[in-house]
Amino acid sequence: MKVGMTQSVFATYMEVSKKTMEAWKGGRTHPTGPACRLLHILALGEDVEYIVAK
């Protein structure tokens, strides 16, 4: 999935560390719970900045 921002910025939006984001991307670990649900919604084509806006 491509969201148009760096891993560091996306990690900040997801409120996880950059290392966690790298592990997800590398397939070493997988998101669970709310992070998994949010990524699923994003995969459906929703706008990431709209969804994670605070």
N, C-alpha and C. Protein backbone atom coordinates (compact mmCIF):
# COMPACT_ATOMS: atom_id res chain seq x y z
N MET A 1 0.85 -1.16 0.00
CA MET A 1 0.00 0.00 0.00
C MET A 1 0.90 1.23 0.00
N LYS A 2 0.55 2.19 -0.81
CA LYS A 2 1.32 3.43 -0.89
C LYS A 2 0.45 4.57 -0.38
N VAL A 3 0.96 5.31 0.61
CA VAL A 3 0.18 6.39 1.20
C VAL A 3 0.78 7.77 0.95
N GLY A 4 1.88 7.84 0.23
CA GLY A 4 2.45 9.12 -0.14
C GLY A 4 3.19 9.85 0.96
N MET A 5 3.77 9.12 1.91
CA MET A 5 4.57 9.75 2.94
C MET A 5 5.68 8.80 3.37
N THR A 6 6.69 9.33 4.03
CA THR A 6 7.80 8.49 4.46
C THR A 6 7.35 7.53 5.55
N GLN A 7 8.15 6.48 5.77
CA GLN A 7 7.85 5.54 6.85
C GLN A 7 7.84 6.25 8.19
N SER A 8 8.76 7.18 8.37
CA SER A 8 8.83 7.92 9.65
C SER A 8 7.55 8.70 9.90
N VAL A 9 7.08 9.40 8.90
CA VAL A 9 5.86 10.19 9.05
C VAL A 9 4.66 9.26 9.27
N PHE A 10 4.57 8.20 8.49
CA PHE A 10 3.46 7.26 8.65
C PHE A 10 3.50 6.60 10.02
N ALA A 11 4.69 6.27 10.51
CA ALA A 11 4.82 5.68 11.85
C ALA A 11 4.29 6.66 12.90
N THR A 12 4.58 7.94 12.72
CA THR A 12 4.08 8.95 13.65
C THR A 12 2.55 8.98 13.62
N TYR A 13 1.96 8.96 12.43
CA TYR A 13 0.50 8.93 12.31
C TYR A 13 -0.09 7.70 12.99
N MET A 14 0.59 6.57 12.84
CA MET A 14 0.09 5.32 13.41
C MET A 14 0.40 5.18 14.90
N GLU A 15 1.23 6.12 15.40
CA GLU A 15 1.68 6.11 16.79
C GLU A 15 2.43 4.84 17.15
N VAL A 16 3.33 4.44 16.23
CA VAL A 16 4.24 3.32 16.46
C VAL A 16 5.65 3.80 16.12
N SER A 17 6.65 3.04 16.53
CA SER A 17 8.02 3.42 16.23
C SER A 17 8.35 3.13 14.76
N LYS A 18 9.39 3.79 14.29
CA LYS A 18 9.84 3.53 12.92
C LYS A 18 10.31 2.08 12.79
N LYS A 19 10.93 1.54 13.85
CA LYS A 19 11.37 0.14 13.82
C LYS A 19 10.17 -0.81 13.68
N THR A 20 9.07 -0.50 14.34
CA THR A 20 7.86 -1.31 14.21
C THR A 20 7.37 -1.26 12.77
N MET A 21 7.34 -0.06 12.20
CA MET A 21 6.90 0.10 10.81
C MET A 21 7.79 -0.69 9.87
N GLU A 22 9.10 -0.65 10.10
CA GLU A 22 10.05 -1.40 9.26
C GLU A 22 9.82 -2.90 9.39
N ALA A 23 9.52 -3.36 10.61
CA ALA A 23 9.26 -4.79 10.83
C ALA A 23 7.99 -5.22 10.10
N TRP A 24 6.96 -4.38 10.13
CA TRP A 24 5.72 -4.69 9.40
C TRP A 24 6.00 -4.77 7.92
N LYS A 25 6.70 -3.78 7.40
CA LYS A 25 6.98 -3.75 5.97
C LYS A 25 7.85 -4.92 5.55
N GLY A 26 8.81 -5.29 6.41
CA GLY A 26 9.71 -6.39 6.10
C GLY A 26 9.10 -7.77 6.32
N GLY A 27 7.89 -7.82 6.89
CA GLY A 27 7.22 -9.10 7.12
C GLY A 27 7.71 -9.85 8.33
N ARG A 28 8.53 -9.19 9.18
CA ARG A 28 9.04 -9.86 10.38
C ARG A 28 7.98 -9.92 11.47
N THR A 29 7.11 -8.91 11.51
CA THR A 29 5.98 -8.90 12.43
C THR A 29 4.77 -8.40 11.66
N HIS A 30 3.61 -8.49 12.28
CA HIS A 30 2.39 -8.06 11.62
C HIS A 30 1.58 -7.20 12.58
N PRO A 31 0.93 -6.16 12.07
CA PRO A 31 0.10 -5.32 12.94
C PRO A 31 -1.08 -6.11 13.47
N THR A 32 -1.51 -5.73 14.67
CA THR A 32 -2.67 -6.38 15.29
C THR A 32 -3.62 -5.29 15.79
N GLY A 33 -4.78 -5.69 16.20
CA GLY A 33 -5.74 -4.79 16.83
C GLY A 33 -6.10 -3.60 15.97
N PRO A 34 -6.18 -2.42 16.59
CA PRO A 34 -6.60 -1.21 15.87
C PRO A 34 -5.68 -0.86 14.69
N ALA A 35 -4.39 -1.10 14.82
CA ALA A 35 -3.46 -0.80 13.71
C ALA A 35 -3.81 -1.67 12.51
N CYS A 36 -4.11 -2.92 12.74
CA CYS A 36 -4.48 -3.83 11.65
C CYS A 36 -5.76 -3.35 10.97
N ARG A 37 -6.73 -2.94 11.76
CA ARG A 37 -8.00 -2.45 11.20
C ARG A 37 -7.80 -1.18 10.39
N LEU A 38 -7.00 -0.25 10.91
CA LEU A 38 -6.74 0.99 10.20
C LEU A 38 -6.03 0.71 8.88
N LEU A 39 -5.06 -0.17 8.88
CA LEU A 39 -4.36 -0.51 7.64
C LEU A 39 -5.31 -1.16 6.63
N HIS A 40 -6.23 -1.96 7.12
CA HIS A 40 -7.23 -2.57 6.23
C HIS A 40 -8.10 -1.49 5.58
N ILE A 41 -8.54 -0.51 6.38
CA ILE A 41 -9.36 0.58 5.85
C ILE A 41 -8.56 1.36 4.81
N LEU A 42 -7.29 1.63 5.10
CA LEU A 42 -6.45 2.35 4.16
C LEU A 42 -6.28 1.57 2.86
N ALA A 43 -6.18 0.25 2.97
CA ALA A 43 -6.03 -0.58 1.78
C ALA A 43 -7.26 -0.50 0.87
N LEU A 44 -8.39 -0.12 1.44
CA LEU A 44 -9.61 0.04 0.66
C LEU A 44 -9.62 1.34 -0.14
N GLY A 45 -8.59 2.17 0.09
CA GLY A 45 -8.46 3.39 -0.70
C GLY A 45 -8.85 4.67 0.02
N GLU A 46 -9.05 4.59 1.32
CA GLU A 46 -9.40 5.80 2.07
C GLU A 46 -8.19 6.71 2.20
N ASP A 47 -8.42 7.99 2.37
CA ASP A 47 -7.36 8.98 2.51
C ASP A 47 -6.74 8.91 3.90
N VAL A 48 -5.44 8.62 3.96
CA VAL A 48 -4.76 8.41 5.24
C VAL A 48 -4.82 9.66 6.12
N GLU A 49 -4.64 10.84 5.58
CA GLU A 49 -4.63 12.03 6.42
C GLU A 49 -6.01 12.32 6.98
N TYR A 50 -7.06 11.99 6.26
CA TYR A 50 -8.42 12.17 6.78
C TYR A 50 -8.68 11.20 7.92
N ILE A 51 -8.26 9.96 7.77
CA ILE A 51 -8.55 8.92 8.77
C ILE A 51 -7.78 9.15 10.06
N VAL A 52 -6.51 9.53 9.98
CA VAL A 52 -5.70 9.64 11.18
C VAL A 52 -5.59 11.07 11.69
N ALA A 53 -6.35 12.00 11.14
CA ALA A 53 -6.31 13.39 11.60
C ALA A 53 -6.69 13.45 13.07
N LYS A 54 -6.00 14.29 13.78
CA LYS A 54 -6.27 14.41 15.23
C LYS A 54 -6.91 15.73 15.52
